[in-house]
C-alpha cells in the first residue's frame, strides 16, 4: 500500500472516529516519510484527542515549518496551543490560519474563543461575528458572541445570543450554562435556575456549572439544595477552592458551623496559604463562638480582594500590643459604621497601654467618637495624617487583646451624646412608649435586600396602642413613610440627623429601638439603650448561632427568622414582646 493509499485509508478511519486505527496508519506513514505534512497534521489531531498535547504540539509545529502556506496545521496548532494554556501563541496560530484561508468559520470561531479566554472581548466579538458572517446559524459562534457580550457588560444582549444558540442546538450544555451566567449577572436568580439545571443535566462533569448553580440557589435562599451542588462540584474537582469556601459558607448559613470548620481545616492541610480558606475559616469560627482562633484568622482579610478599598500602606510599624510608653498610635476605623461603633470600645484599653491615641474615622462618626474615653485626637478619613509612631486597624484589636467569649469588653455605655447634639421636641413631647424604628440597612451592601425587612413588614406594629413610633430610617427607604398612609403616625425624625451624634441624641430619648441589622442597632447597644434586633437568616457572623442575646451588647435582644425571608414570624414575635412590655408597664 502506497503512502497516499495509507493516508486515504487513515483519513477514512479518522472521519469515522476510529482514531486508534487512524493513528497506527499515520505512524506507519511517518516512519516511511517523517516529513509527510498531512500525516504530521492529522497525527497531531489524533494526539490532541488522546490528551498528549506535547506530542501534538511537536507534530503540528513540524507541519507548519514544512508547509508555511498550509492552512490546516496552523488551525489545528491553534487548538492545541489553546488547550495547553498558551493563549497568545494560539491567537497567532489562528490569525495565521485565517490569513491563509479567510473563509473558515470554525477557525474564526476558535479565535473568538481564545480572545474571550484572554479577556479581550472586543476582539472576541469581532471574531465571532466574522464566523457568523460565513455561517449565520453557527451555534458555537453565537455562544462565543454571547460570551464576549457578557464580558463587555452587555448581559441582556448575551441572553438573546444564548437563546438564539439554543433554538439551533437545544441540548448544548455550554449554551445553557452561559445563559445561566448571564442571568446571574442580571441578578435574575430565579431565571438562572432552569438553564443551570439543564446544563448540569446535560453535562454532569462540569464543576463550574455545579458551582454557579449552587451560588444561584444560595441567592434564592435554597441553601440546603446549594450544599448538594457545591458537593457535586467538589466531587469532580476536589481542590476547587471557591467551591470549598462557598460550601463552608453555605454550611455556616445553615448554622452548621462545626461542619464548616472541619471542611476548611481539612482543605488548609493541602492549601495552607489560601486567603479564601483562611478568611472563610475566620468568619465561621467567630460565628461558632471560637473567638480566640477566629480573631487570629480574621487578619487574613487584608489578602482578600473585597478588602482592597480598605487596604492601606503605612510608613510606620503595626502595633504588636506591647506597652506604648507615651508613643502616639494611629487607629484607623475600617469597614462600616456599625463595625466602628462596635469595636471602638477597645480604644480606652489601647490608651491604658500608655499611648496617645489618634483615631481616624469617617466624618459622620467624628463628633460621636469624641465622647469615647482615651481618644486624644480625631481626624476624618482622607484628611492628612499627623505624626505617629505605630498604627493598627480597629478590627485587629480583638486579636491584640486576646478576646474570647468570656473577655468581650461589655461595659456600657461606652459612648455618650455630645453636648452640641440636636434634641427633637417631637420626641420630648411624646406621651406613649417611645419606639425608634429602622427597617433597612445600607443599599451599598450586597446582602442588604436580605437583612432589610421593608416598612410594610412592620404593619402589625401600627395596631399596638400607647406607642409613639419614630423613624430612624435614612437613605432611599426613608421615603416609604410618605408613600403609605398606614404609617402616617410614624414621626420621621431621621431627616434632621446631620451625623451619628444627632442620631445618638435621638436614641437616648427613646424607650426602645427596634431595628434590622444596621448601625443604629449597634449605636443603641453602645449607648446602653434597650434595643431589639430583627435578624435575617443567614445573618452576620458576630451574632453567632441561635443566641437571643449578644456578649457585645447587654441590652440587646435578638429576634431571628426561623426560615430565610420569613419576616412575618419575626414581626409577630416582636409584637408579642412589645405587648408584654406594655402590660408590665402601663405607662410605657
Protein backbone atom coordinates (compact mmCIF):
# COMPACT_ATOMS: atom_id res chain seq x y z
CA UNK A 1 0.00 0.00 0.00
CA UNK A 2 1.44 3.34 -1.01
CA UNK A 3 1.73 6.30 1.35
CA UNK A 4 -1.15 8.02 -0.45
CA UNK A 5 -3.32 4.89 -0.10
CA UNK A 6 -2.44 4.60 3.59
CA UNK A 7 -3.24 8.27 4.05
CA UNK A 8 -6.62 7.88 2.34
CA UNK A 9 -7.47 4.81 4.47
CA UNK A 10 -6.31 6.54 7.68
CA UNK A 11 -8.39 9.59 6.88
CA UNK A 12 -11.47 7.39 6.43
CA UNK A 13 -10.83 5.80 9.83
CA UNK A 14 -10.31 9.28 11.29
CA UNK A 15 -13.60 10.60 9.90
CA UNK A 16 -15.44 7.57 11.32
CA UNK A 17 -14.00 8.27 14.78
CA UNK A 18 -11.69 5.23 14.70
CA UNK A 19 -8.73 7.22 15.95
CA UNK A 20 -6.65 4.26 17.12
CA UNK A 21 -6.69 2.69 13.65
CA UNK A 22 -6.06 6.04 12.00
CA UNK A 23 -3.15 6.72 14.33
CA UNK A 24 -1.47 3.43 13.51
CA UNK A 25 -1.51 4.23 9.82
CA UNK A 26 -0.25 7.80 10.39
CA UNK A 27 2.67 6.32 12.35
CA UNK A 28 3.49 3.95 9.51
CA UNK A 29 3.45 6.82 7.05
CA UNK A 30 5.74 8.94 9.24
CA UNK A 31 8.11 6.01 9.69
CA UNK A 32 8.46 5.92 5.91
CA UNK A 33 8.42 9.68 5.41
CA UNK A 34 8.97 11.78 8.57
CA UNK A 35 8.19 14.96 6.63
CA UNK A 36 4.80 13.88 5.28
CA UNK A 37 2.85 17.04 6.20
CA UNK A 38 -0.66 15.60 6.01
CA UNK A 39 0.30 12.74 8.32
CA UNK A 40 2.03 15.13 10.73
CA UNK A 41 -1.05 17.36 10.77
CA UNK A 42 -3.60 14.58 11.25
CA UNK A 43 -1.48 12.66 13.73
CA UNK A 44 -1.27 15.90 15.73
CA UNK A 45 -5.06 16.00 15.84
CA UNK A 46 -5.17 12.36 17.00
CA UNK A 47 -2.61 13.03 19.75
CA UNK A 48 -4.59 16.03 20.96
CA UNK A 49 -7.68 13.82 21.20
CA UNK A 50 -5.59 11.31 23.17
CA UNK A 51 -4.58 14.07 25.60
CA UNK A 52 -0.89 14.09 24.68
CA UNK A 53 -0.58 17.79 23.98
CA UNK A 54 3.22 17.91 23.96
CA UNK A 55 3.47 15.37 21.15
CA UNK A 56 0.63 17.08 19.31
CA UNK A 57 2.47 20.42 19.52
CA UNK A 58 5.64 18.85 18.19
CA UNK A 59 3.87 17.20 15.25
CA UNK A 60 1.86 20.27 14.27
CA UNK A 61 4.82 22.57 14.76
CA UNK A 62 6.84 20.48 12.33
CA UNK A 63 3.94 20.53 9.86
CA UNK A 64 3.73 24.34 9.93
CA UNK A 65 7.51 24.65 9.44
CA UNK A 66 7.44 22.28 6.46
CA UNK A 67 4.34 23.87 4.91
CA UNK A 68 4.11 27.53 5.98
CA UNK A 69 1.37 28.16 3.42
CA UNK A 70 -0.81 25.22 4.51
CA UNK A 71 -3.90 26.39 6.41
CA UNK A 72 -4.89 23.20 8.30
CA UNK A 73 -1.81 22.68 10.53
CA UNK A 74 -1.99 26.29 11.75
CA UNK A 75 -5.68 25.93 12.60
CA UNK A 76 -5.05 22.66 14.45
CA UNK A 77 -1.95 24.06 16.15
CA UNK A 78 -4.07 26.92 17.50
CA UNK A 79 -6.46 24.39 19.05
CA UNK A 80 -3.62 22.54 20.81
CA UNK A 81 -1.97 25.75 21.98
CA UNK A 82 -5.25 26.93 23.48
CA UNK A 83 -5.75 23.57 25.20
CA UNK A 84 -2.18 23.90 26.56
CA UNK A 85 -2.90 27.33 28.01
CA UNK A 86 -0.57 29.10 25.58
CA UNK A 87 -3.27 31.56 24.60
CA UNK A 88 -1.22 34.28 22.93
CA UNK A 89 0.52 31.68 20.77
CA UNK A 90 -2.90 30.25 19.93
CA UNK A 91 -4.08 33.67 18.74
CA UNK A 92 -1.04 33.93 16.47
CA UNK A 93 -1.69 30.46 15.02
CA UNK A 94 -5.39 31.14 14.38
CA UNK A 95 -4.65 34.52 12.80
CA UNK A 96 -2.06 32.92 10.53
CA UNK A 97 -4.58 30.25 9.55
CA UNK A 98 -7.16 32.91 8.70
CA UNK A 99 -4.67 34.78 6.54
CA UNK A 100 -4.21 31.54 4.61
CA UNK A 101 -7.93 30.78 4.48
CA UNK A 102 -10.25 33.62 5.40
CA UNK A 103 -13.34 31.53 4.71
CA UNK A 104 -13.00 29.16 7.68
CA UNK A 105 -15.84 29.86 10.13
CA UNK A 106 -14.51 27.23 12.56
CA UNK A 107 -11.12 28.96 12.81
CA UNK A 108 -12.72 32.39 13.24
CA UNK A 109 -14.89 30.91 15.97
CA UNK A 110 -11.88 29.34 17.69
CA UNK A 111 -10.11 32.70 17.55
CA UNK A 112 -13.16 34.23 19.24
CA UNK A 113 -12.98 31.59 21.97
CA UNK A 114 -9.32 32.21 22.76
CA UNK A 115 -9.71 36.01 22.67
CA UNK A 116 -12.56 35.72 25.16
CA UNK A 117 -10.41 33.47 27.33
CA UNK A 118 -7.62 36.06 27.21
CA UNK A 119 -10.02 38.75 28.39
CA UNK A 120 -10.17 40.52 25.02
CA UNK A 121 -13.95 40.57 24.48
CA UNK A 122 -13.87 43.23 21.74
CA UNK A 123 -11.60 41.01 19.65
CA UNK A 124 -13.69 38.00 20.68
CA UNK A 125 -16.86 39.69 19.48
CA UNK A 126 -15.24 40.68 16.19
CA UNK A 127 -14.03 37.12 15.52
CA UNK A 128 -17.40 35.57 16.38
CA UNK A 129 -19.16 37.97 14.02
CA UNK A 130 -16.65 37.05 11.32
CA UNK A 131 -17.57 33.37 11.81
CA UNK A 132 -21.30 34.22 11.71
CA UNK A 133 -20.88 36.18 8.52
CA UNK A 134 -19.76 32.89 6.95
CA UNK A 135 -22.34 30.65 8.66
CA UNK A 136 -25.15 32.67 10.28
CA UNK A 137 -26.63 29.64 12.02
CA UNK A 138 -23.46 28.54 13.82
CA UNK A 139 -24.41 27.75 17.48
CA UNK A 140 -20.86 27.71 18.87
CA UNK A 141 -20.07 31.08 17.28
CA UNK A 142 -23.31 32.53 18.68
CA UNK A 143 -22.30 31.24 22.13
CA UNK A 144 -18.87 32.87 21.82
CA UNK A 145 -20.57 36.07 20.72
CA UNK A 146 -22.70 35.88 23.87
CA UNK A 147 -19.58 35.32 25.98
CA UNK A 148 -17.97 38.43 24.52
CA UNK A 149 -21.13 40.47 25.12
CA UNK A 150 -21.29 39.25 28.72
CA UNK A 151 -17.67 40.27 29.30
CA UNK A 152 -18.49 43.68 27.81
CA UNK A 153 -21.20 44.16 30.47
CA UNK A 154 -24.00 43.69 27.92
CA UNK A 155 -25.84 40.83 29.64
CA UNK A 156 -29.24 41.43 28.04
CA UNK A 157 -27.70 41.03 24.57
CA UNK A 158 -25.81 37.99 25.83
CA UNK A 159 -29.08 36.40 26.98
CA UNK A 160 -30.51 36.93 23.50
CA UNK A 161 -27.44 35.34 21.92
CA UNK A 162 -27.57 32.26 24.12
CA UNK A 163 -31.28 31.87 23.49
CA UNK A 164 -30.65 32.08 19.76
CA UNK A 165 -27.98 29.38 20.06
CA UNK A 166 -30.40 27.16 21.96
CA UNK A 167 -33.03 27.41 19.24
CA UNK A 168 -30.40 25.85 16.94
CA UNK A 169 -28.88 23.45 19.48
CA UNK A 170 -31.34 22.90 22.35
CA UNK A 171 -29.11 20.31 24.03
CA UNK A 172 -25.96 22.42 24.05
CA UNK A 173 -24.85 22.31 27.70
CA UNK A 174 -22.47 25.25 27.27
CA UNK A 175 -25.25 27.49 25.95
CA UNK A 176 -27.48 26.63 28.91
CA UNK A 177 -24.58 27.21 31.34
CA UNK A 178 -23.70 30.60 29.88
CA UNK A 179 -27.36 31.63 29.77
CA UNK A 180 -27.44 30.96 33.49
CA UNK A 181 -24.30 33.10 33.89
CA UNK A 182 -25.92 35.98 32.02
CA UNK A 183 -28.97 35.84 34.26
CA UNK A 184 -26.65 35.74 37.26
CA UNK A 185 -25.02 38.95 36.02
CA UNK A 186 -28.50 40.48 35.80
CA UNK A 187 -29.23 39.24 39.35
CA UNK A 188 -32.21 37.40 37.80
CA UNK A 189 -31.60 34.41 40.02
CA UNK A 190 -34.98 32.74 39.54
CA UNK A 191 -34.50 32.85 35.76
CA UNK A 192 -30.99 31.37 36.07
CA UNK A 193 -32.13 28.19 37.82
CA UNK A 194 -33.59 26.42 34.80
CA UNK A 195 -30.61 26.89 32.42
CA UNK A 196 -28.17 25.85 35.15
CA UNK A 197 -30.21 22.75 35.92
CA UNK A 198 -30.38 21.91 32.22
CA UNK A 199 -26.64 22.45 31.89
CA UNK A 200 -25.68 20.04 34.68
CA UNK A 201 -28.25 17.53 33.45
CA UNK A 202 -26.64 17.51 30.00
CA UNK A 203 -23.07 17.60 31.34
CA UNK A 204 -22.82 16.48 34.95
CA UNK A 205 -18.99 16.64 34.92
CA UNK A 206 -18.80 20.42 34.64
CA UNK A 207 -17.67 21.51 38.09
CA UNK A 208 -18.01 25.20 37.26
CA UNK A 209 -21.64 24.69 36.24
CA UNK A 210 -22.44 22.92 39.51
CA UNK A 211 -20.66 25.74 41.36
CA UNK A 212 -22.56 28.55 39.64
CA UNK A 213 -25.83 26.65 40.01
CA UNK A 214 -25.15 26.37 43.73
CA UNK A 215 -24.39 30.10 44.03
CA UNK A 216 -27.67 30.87 42.29
CA UNK A 217 -29.53 28.65 44.77
CA UNK A 218 -27.84 30.46 47.68
CA UNK A 219 -29.14 33.77 46.35
CA UNK A 220 -32.64 32.25 46.33
CA UNK A 221 -32.18 31.05 49.94
CA UNK A 222 -32.30 27.42 48.78
CA UNK A 223 -29.22 26.76 50.85
CA UNK A 224 -29.84 23.06 51.53
CA UNK A 225 -30.03 22.44 47.78
CA UNK A 226 -26.93 24.58 47.24
CA UNK A 227 -24.92 22.42 49.65
CA UNK A 228 -25.56 19.37 47.47
CA UNK A 229 -24.48 21.24 44.33
CA UNK A 230 -21.26 22.50 45.91
CA UNK A 231 -20.54 18.93 46.96
CA UNK A 232 -21.08 17.73 43.39
CA UNK A 233 -18.59 20.35 42.14
CA UNK A 234 -16.04 19.14 44.69
CA UNK A 235 -16.57 15.51 43.75
CA UNK A 236 -15.38 16.49 40.26
CA UNK A 237 -12.60 18.88 41.37
CA UNK A 238 -11.64 18.13 45.00
CA UNK A 239 -9.25 21.13 45.18
CA UNK A 240 -11.78 23.67 43.85
CA UNK A 241 -11.07 26.41 46.42
CA UNK A 242 -14.04 28.63 45.56
CA UNK A 243 -16.40 25.66 45.88
CA UNK A 244 -14.81 24.68 49.20
CA UNK A 245 -15.21 28.22 50.53
CA UNK A 246 -18.78 28.61 49.32
CA UNK A 247 -19.77 25.19 50.64
CA UNK A 248 -18.36 26.20 54.02
CA UNK A 249 -20.26 29.50 53.79
CA UNK A 250 -23.48 27.64 52.99
CA UNK A 251 -22.96 25.32 55.95
CA UNK A 252 -22.24 28.38 58.09
CA UNK A 253 -25.51 29.94 56.89
CA UNK A 254 -27.35 26.80 58.00
CA UNK A 255 -25.77 27.08 61.44
CA UNK A 256 -23.62 24.01 60.75
CA UNK A 257 -20.50 25.91 61.74
CA UNK A 258 -18.76 22.85 63.19
CA UNK A 259 -19.05 21.04 59.85
CA UNK A 260 -17.83 24.14 58.01
CA UNK A 261 -14.79 24.47 60.30
CA UNK A 262 -13.86 20.82 59.78
CA UNK A 263 -14.15 21.23 56.00
CA UNK A 264 -11.99 24.37 55.90
CA UNK A 265 -9.31 22.98 58.20
CA UNK A 266 -9.07 19.84 56.11
CA UNK A 267 -8.71 21.94 52.94
CA UNK A 268 -5.98 24.06 54.57
CA UNK A 269 -3.80 20.98 55.03
CA UNK A 270 -3.20 20.85 51.28
CA UNK A 271 -3.61 24.60 50.65
CA UNK A 272 -2.17 26.27 53.76
CA UNK A 273 -1.66 29.69 52.14
CA UNK A 274 -5.13 30.15 50.63
CA UNK A 275 -6.52 33.55 51.75
CA UNK A 276 -10.04 32.46 50.79
CA UNK A 277 -9.93 29.39 53.03
CA UNK A 278 -8.45 31.32 55.97
CA UNK A 279 -10.94 34.19 55.57
CA UNK A 280 -13.92 31.84 55.48
CA UNK A 281 -12.50 29.98 58.45
CA UNK A 282 -12.28 33.22 60.44
CA UNK A 283 -15.94 34.09 59.85
CA UNK A 284 -17.06 30.56 60.64
CA UNK A 285 -15.02 30.36 63.84
CA UNK A 286 -16.42 33.69 65.02
CA UNK A 287 -20.00 32.62 64.30
CA UNK A 288 -19.26 29.35 66.10
CA UNK A 289 -18.15 31.35 69.15
CA UNK A 290 -14.46 30.42 68.91
CA UNK A 291 -13.24 33.99 69.25
CA UNK A 292 -9.70 33.06 70.30
CA UNK A 293 -8.96 31.35 66.97
CA UNK A 294 -11.40 33.41 64.92
CA UNK A 295 -9.86 36.81 65.58
CA UNK A 296 -6.41 35.49 64.70
CA UNK A 297 -7.68 34.20 61.36
CA UNK A 298 -9.52 37.50 60.78
CA UNK A 299 -6.22 39.16 59.82
CA UNK A 300 -6.41 37.28 56.51
CA UNK A 301 -8.97 39.87 55.42
CA UNK A 302 -6.14 42.03 54.10
CA UNK A 303 -5.33 39.43 51.47
CA UNK A 304 -8.91 39.34 50.15
CA UNK A 305 -9.94 41.33 47.04
CA UNK A 306 -13.07 42.54 48.83
CA UNK A 307 -10.84 44.46 51.26
CA UNK A 308 -8.89 46.21 48.54
CA UNK A 309 -10.67 49.51 49.30
CA UNK A 310 -9.67 49.30 52.96
CA UNK A 311 -6.04 48.25 52.44
CA UNK A 312 -3.51 50.98 53.21
CA UNK A 313 0.26 51.36 53.16
CA UNK A 314 1.73 52.99 56.25
CA UNK A 315 5.28 54.18 56.81
CA UNK A 316 5.28 53.18 60.48
CA UNK A 317 5.16 49.69 62.04
CA UNK A 318 1.93 47.99 63.06
CA UNK A 319 1.40 47.81 66.82
CA UNK A 320 2.10 44.40 68.35
CA UNK A 321 0.08 45.01 71.51
CA UNK A 322 3.05 45.80 73.74
CA UNK A 323 3.43 48.82 76.08
CA UNK A 324 3.19 52.12 74.24
CA UNK A 325 5.25 54.15 76.72
CA UNK A 326 3.92 57.51 75.55
CA UNK A 327 4.12 56.75 71.84
CA UNK A 328 1.41 58.02 69.51
CA UNK A 329 -0.72 55.28 67.96
CA UNK A 330 -2.89 55.78 64.88
CA UNK A 331 -6.04 53.65 64.86
CA UNK A 332 -7.90 53.52 61.56
CA UNK A 333 -11.62 52.74 61.76
CA UNK A 334 -12.13 50.30 58.91
CA UNK A 335 -15.27 48.95 57.24
CA UNK A 336 -18.81 50.11 58.04
CA UNK A 337 -20.37 52.49 60.56
CA UNK A 338 -21.67 49.64 62.70
CA UNK A 339 -18.27 47.99 62.79
CA UNK A 340 -16.65 51.17 64.04
CA UNK A 341 -19.33 51.70 66.69
CA UNK A 342 -18.99 48.11 67.90
CA UNK A 343 -15.20 47.93 68.10
CA UNK A 344 -14.32 51.44 69.24
CA UNK A 345 -14.93 50.04 72.75
CA UNK A 346 -11.31 48.79 72.62
CA UNK A 347 -9.83 52.26 72.32
CA UNK A 348 -9.84 53.02 76.08
CA UNK A 349 -7.96 49.74 76.51
CA UNK A 350 -5.34 50.93 73.99
CA UNK A 351 -4.98 54.24 75.81
CA UNK A 352 -4.47 52.34 79.06
CA UNK A 353 -1.35 50.81 77.47
CA UNK A 354 0.30 54.23 77.90
CA UNK A 355 -0.08 55.71 74.45
CA UNK A 356 -1.63 58.74 72.83
CA UNK A 357 -4.49 57.61 70.57
CA UNK A 358 -5.20 59.28 67.24
CA UNK A 359 -8.42 57.90 65.77
CA UNK A 360 -9.10 58.13 62.04
CA UNK A 361 -12.80 57.69 61.24
CA UNK A 362 -15.45 58.63 58.72
CA UNK A 363 -16.74 62.21 59.17
CA UNK A 364 -20.24 61.07 60.12
CA UNK A 365 -18.80 59.44 63.27
CA UNK A 366 -16.31 62.11 64.28
CA UNK A 367 -18.46 64.05 66.76
CA UNK A 368 -19.90 60.92 68.35
CA UNK A 369 -16.49 59.34 68.90
CA UNK A 370 -15.40 62.47 70.72
CA UNK A 371 -17.34 61.09 73.69
CA UNK A 372 -15.15 57.97 73.80
CA UNK A 373 -12.61 57.73 76.61
CA UNK A 374 -8.99 57.61 75.62
CA UNK A 375 -9.06 59.46 72.30
CA UNK A 376 -6.53 62.30 72.21
CA UNK A 377 -7.22 63.36 68.62
CA UNK A 378 -9.75 62.54 65.89
CA UNK A 379 -9.24 63.02 62.17
CA UNK A 380 -11.59 62.40 59.29
CA UNK A 381 -10.85 59.60 56.88
CA UNK A 382 -8.96 61.08 53.94
CA UNK A 383 -7.51 64.01 55.88
CA UNK A 384 -3.70 64.38 56.15
CA UNK A 385 -2.28 62.09 58.81
CA UNK A 386 -0.46 63.62 61.79
CA UNK A 387 2.83 62.25 63.04
CA UNK A 388 2.50 58.84 64.71
CA UNK A 389 4.78 56.05 65.91
CA UNK A 390 2.71 52.89 65.34
CA UNK A 391 -0.67 52.06 63.84
CA UNK A 392 -3.36 49.39 63.95
CA UNK A 393 -6.66 48.72 62.18
CA UNK A 394 -9.58 48.95 64.60
CA UNK A 395 -10.81 45.41 63.99
CA UNK A 396 -7.42 43.91 64.79
CA UNK A 397 -7.86 44.97 68.42
CA UNK A 398 -9.94 41.92 69.45
CA UNK A 399 -6.98 39.75 68.43
CA UNK A 400 -4.42 42.02 70.08
CA UNK A 401 -6.34 41.87 73.36
CA UNK A 402 -6.88 38.09 73.09
CA UNK A 403 -10.65 38.40 73.14
CA UNK A 404 -12.73 35.30 73.77
CA UNK A 405 -16.40 34.96 74.73
CA UNK A 406 -15.60 35.50 78.40
CA UNK A 407 -13.46 38.60 77.87
CA UNK A 408 -15.56 40.65 75.42
CA UNK A 409 -15.42 44.25 76.75
CA UNK A 410 -19.12 44.77 77.51
CA UNK A 411 -19.22 47.65 79.97
CA UNK A 412 -21.88 50.01 78.63
CA UNK A 413 -22.42 52.72 77.79
CA UNK A 414 -19.03 53.42 76.27
CA UNK A 415 -20.40 56.20 74.03
CA UNK A 416 -22.43 59.25 75.01
CA UNK A 417 -24.31 62.13 73.40
CA UNK A 418 -22.17 65.16 72.53
CA UNK A 419 -23.30 68.32 74.26
CA UNK A 420 -23.96 70.10 70.95
CA UNK A 421 -26.21 67.34 69.54
CA UNK A 422 -29.69 68.41 68.42
CA UNK A 423 -32.69 67.41 70.52
CA UNK A 424 -36.01 66.78 68.80
CA UNK A 425 -39.00 68.42 70.51
CA UNK A 426 -41.40 65.99 68.82
CA UNK A 427 -39.72 63.21 70.77
CA UNK A 428 -39.71 65.07 74.06
CA UNK A 429 -43.44 65.81 73.83
CA UNK A 430 -44.48 62.22 73.12
CA UNK A 431 -46.61 60.58 75.88
CA UNK A 432 -46.58 56.91 74.87
CA UNK A 433 -43.79 54.36 74.81
CA UNK A 434 -41.22 55.95 72.51
CA UNK A 435 -40.01 53.37 69.98
CA UNK A 436 -37.48 54.04 67.22
CA UNK A 437 -37.75 52.01 64.02
CA UNK A 438 -35.25 51.04 61.33
CA UNK A 439 -36.34 48.66 58.56
CA UNK A 440 -33.49 48.78 56.02
CA UNK A 441 -29.73 48.81 56.00
CA UNK A 442 -27.27 50.48 53.66
CA UNK A 443 -28.14 49.95 49.98
CA UNK A 444 -24.42 49.65 49.20
CA UNK A 445 -24.22 46.30 50.98
CA UNK A 446 -24.63 43.36 48.64
CA UNK A 447 -26.84 41.42 51.07
CA UNK A 448 -28.93 44.41 52.06
CA UNK A 449 -32.09 43.07 50.43
CA UNK A 450 -31.91 40.06 52.76
CA UNK A 451 -31.18 41.82 56.03
CA UNK A 452 -33.76 44.58 55.36
CA UNK A 453 -37.40 43.79 56.08
CA UNK A 454 -39.03 46.82 54.43
CA UNK A 455 -41.58 49.13 56.02
CA UNK A 456 -44.60 47.01 55.04
CA UNK A 457 -43.33 44.16 57.22
CA UNK A 458 -43.91 46.40 60.27
CA UNK A 459 -47.62 46.86 59.58
CA UNK A 460 -48.81 44.89 62.63
CA UNK A 461 -46.79 47.14 64.95
CA UNK A 462 -49.05 50.04 63.99
CA UNK A 463 -52.06 48.44 65.69
CA UNK A 464 -50.40 48.40 69.12
CA UNK A 465 -51.76 51.21 71.30
CA UNK A 466 -49.91 53.54 73.64
CA UNK A 467 -46.82 53.53 71.46
CA UNK A 468 -45.31 56.53 69.68
CA UNK A 469 -43.15 55.44 66.76
CA UNK A 470 -40.21 57.39 65.38
CA UNK A 471 -38.37 56.65 62.16
CA UNK A 472 -34.60 56.44 62.34
CA UNK A 473 -34.51 55.25 58.74
CA UNK A 474 -32.12 57.05 56.41
CA UNK A 475 -31.40 56.53 52.74
CA UNK A 476 -33.87 55.88 49.93
CA UNK A 477 -36.07 53.61 52.06
CA UNK A 478 -36.98 56.57 54.29
CA UNK A 479 -39.36 57.79 51.58
CA UNK A 480 -41.56 54.72 52.15
CA UNK A 481 -43.15 56.61 55.05
CA UNK A 482 -44.52 59.32 52.78
CA UNK A 483 -45.95 56.79 50.35
CA UNK A 484 -48.12 54.81 52.78
CA UNK A 485 -50.89 56.42 54.88
CA UNK A 486 -50.93 53.38 57.18
CA UNK A 487 -47.70 54.71 58.70
CA UNK A 488 -48.81 58.34 58.91
CA UNK A 489 -48.42 58.22 62.69
CA UNK A 490 -44.71 57.44 62.49
CA UNK A 491 -42.69 60.61 63.03
CA UNK A 492 -39.77 60.92 60.64
CA UNK A 493 -37.01 62.36 62.80
CA UNK A 494 -34.09 60.96 60.79
CA UNK A 495 -34.40 63.75 58.24
CA UNK A 496 -32.95 66.08 60.87
CA UNK A 497 -29.84 63.98 61.55
CA UNK A 498 -26.62 65.54 60.33
CA UNK A 499 -24.40 62.77 61.71
CA UNK A 500 -24.35 59.97 64.30
CA UNK A 501 -24.13 62.44 67.16
CA UNK A 502 -27.65 63.64 66.32
CA UNK A 503 -28.76 60.02 65.92
CA UNK A 504 -27.33 59.23 69.36
CA UNK A 505 -29.25 62.12 70.92
CA UNK A 506 -32.50 60.75 69.49
CA UNK A 507 -31.65 57.19 70.56
CA UNK A 508 -31.18 58.28 74.17
CA UNK A 509 -34.66 59.88 74.11
CA UNK A 510 -36.24 56.56 73.07
CA UNK A 511 -37.55 53.89 75.40
CA UNK A 512 -36.75 51.20 72.86
CA UNK A 513 -35.10 50.80 69.45
CA UNK A 514 -36.37 48.14 67.04
CA UNK A 515 -34.01 47.68 64.12
CA UNK A 516 -32.81 45.28 61.50
CA UNK A 517 -29.05 44.69 61.44
CA UNK A 518 -27.86 48.28 61.00
CA UNK A 519 -25.56 50.84 62.57
CA UNK A 520 -28.47 52.17 64.67
CA UNK A 521 -28.74 48.78 66.35
CA UNK A 522 -25.03 48.99 67.26
CA UNK A 523 -25.39 52.60 68.38
CA UNK A 524 -28.28 51.82 70.71
CA UNK A 525 -26.30 48.92 72.18
CA UNK A 526 -23.21 51.10 72.68
CA UNK A 527 -25.34 53.74 74.43
CA UNK A 528 -26.84 51.11 76.73
CA UNK A 529 -30.41 51.61 75.48
CA UNK A 530 -32.90 48.73 75.19
CA UNK A 531 -32.69 47.52 71.60
CA UNK A 532 -34.38 44.70 69.73
CA UNK A 533 -32.57 43.37 66.68
CA UNK A 534 -34.54 41.72 63.88
CA UNK A 535 -32.15 39.37 62.13
CA UNK A 536 -32.39 37.70 58.75
CA UNK A 537 -31.34 34.10 58.19
CA UNK A 538 -28.48 33.73 57.46
CA UNK A 539 -27.19 36.64 59.45
CA UNK A 540 -23.93 38.33 60.40
CA UNK A 541 -21.16 36.22 61.90
CA UNK A 542 -20.93 38.34 65.06
CA UNK A 543 -24.46 37.37 66.14
CA UNK A 544 -23.34 33.71 66.29
CA UNK A 545 -25.74 30.74 66.15
CA UNK A 546 -29.22 30.80 67.67
CA UNK A 547 -28.43 33.21 70.52
CA UNK A 548 -31.16 35.64 71.52
CA UNK A 549 -28.65 37.89 73.25
CA UNK A 550 -25.14 39.14 72.47
CA UNK A 551 -22.00 39.31 74.59
CA UNK A 552 -21.25 42.62 72.87
CA UNK A 553 -24.40 44.46 73.95
CA UNK A 554 -26.06 43.51 77.26
CA UNK A 555 -29.24 45.50 76.44
CA UNK A 556 -29.75 43.78 73.08
CA UNK A 557 -32.45 41.17 72.45
CA UNK A 558 -32.39 39.29 69.15
CA UNK A 559 -35.35 38.09 67.11
CA UNK A 560 -34.31 35.65 64.37
CA UNK A 561 -36.01 34.45 61.22
CA UNK A 562 -36.95 30.77 61.54
CA UNK A 563 -36.51 30.44 57.76
CA UNK A 564 -34.83 32.71 55.21
CA UNK A 565 -37.13 35.56 54.21
CA UNK A 566 -39.68 34.94 56.98
CA UNK A 567 -40.10 38.43 58.38
CA UNK A 568 -43.74 37.78 59.35
CA UNK A 569 -42.67 35.43 62.15
CA UNK A 570 -40.07 37.90 63.38
CA UNK A 571 -42.51 40.82 63.49
CA UNK A 572 -45.19 38.68 65.15
CA UNK A 573 -42.71 37.81 67.90
CA UNK A 574 -41.71 41.47 68.25
CA UNK A 575 -45.38 42.48 68.54
CA UNK A 576 -45.95 39.92 71.30
CA UNK A 577 -42.88 41.12 73.16
CA UNK A 578 -43.99 44.73 72.83
CA UNK A 579 -47.48 43.92 74.11
CA UNK A 580 -45.89 42.09 77.03
CA UNK A 581 -43.70 45.05 77.86
CA UNK A 582 -46.67 47.41 77.79
CA UNK A 583 -48.67 45.09 80.02
CA UNK A 584 -45.90 45.10 82.61
CA UNK A 585 -45.54 48.88 82.47
CA UNK A 586 -48.91 50.54 81.74
CA UNK A 587 -47.27 53.96 81.50
CA UNK A 588 -44.76 52.60 78.95
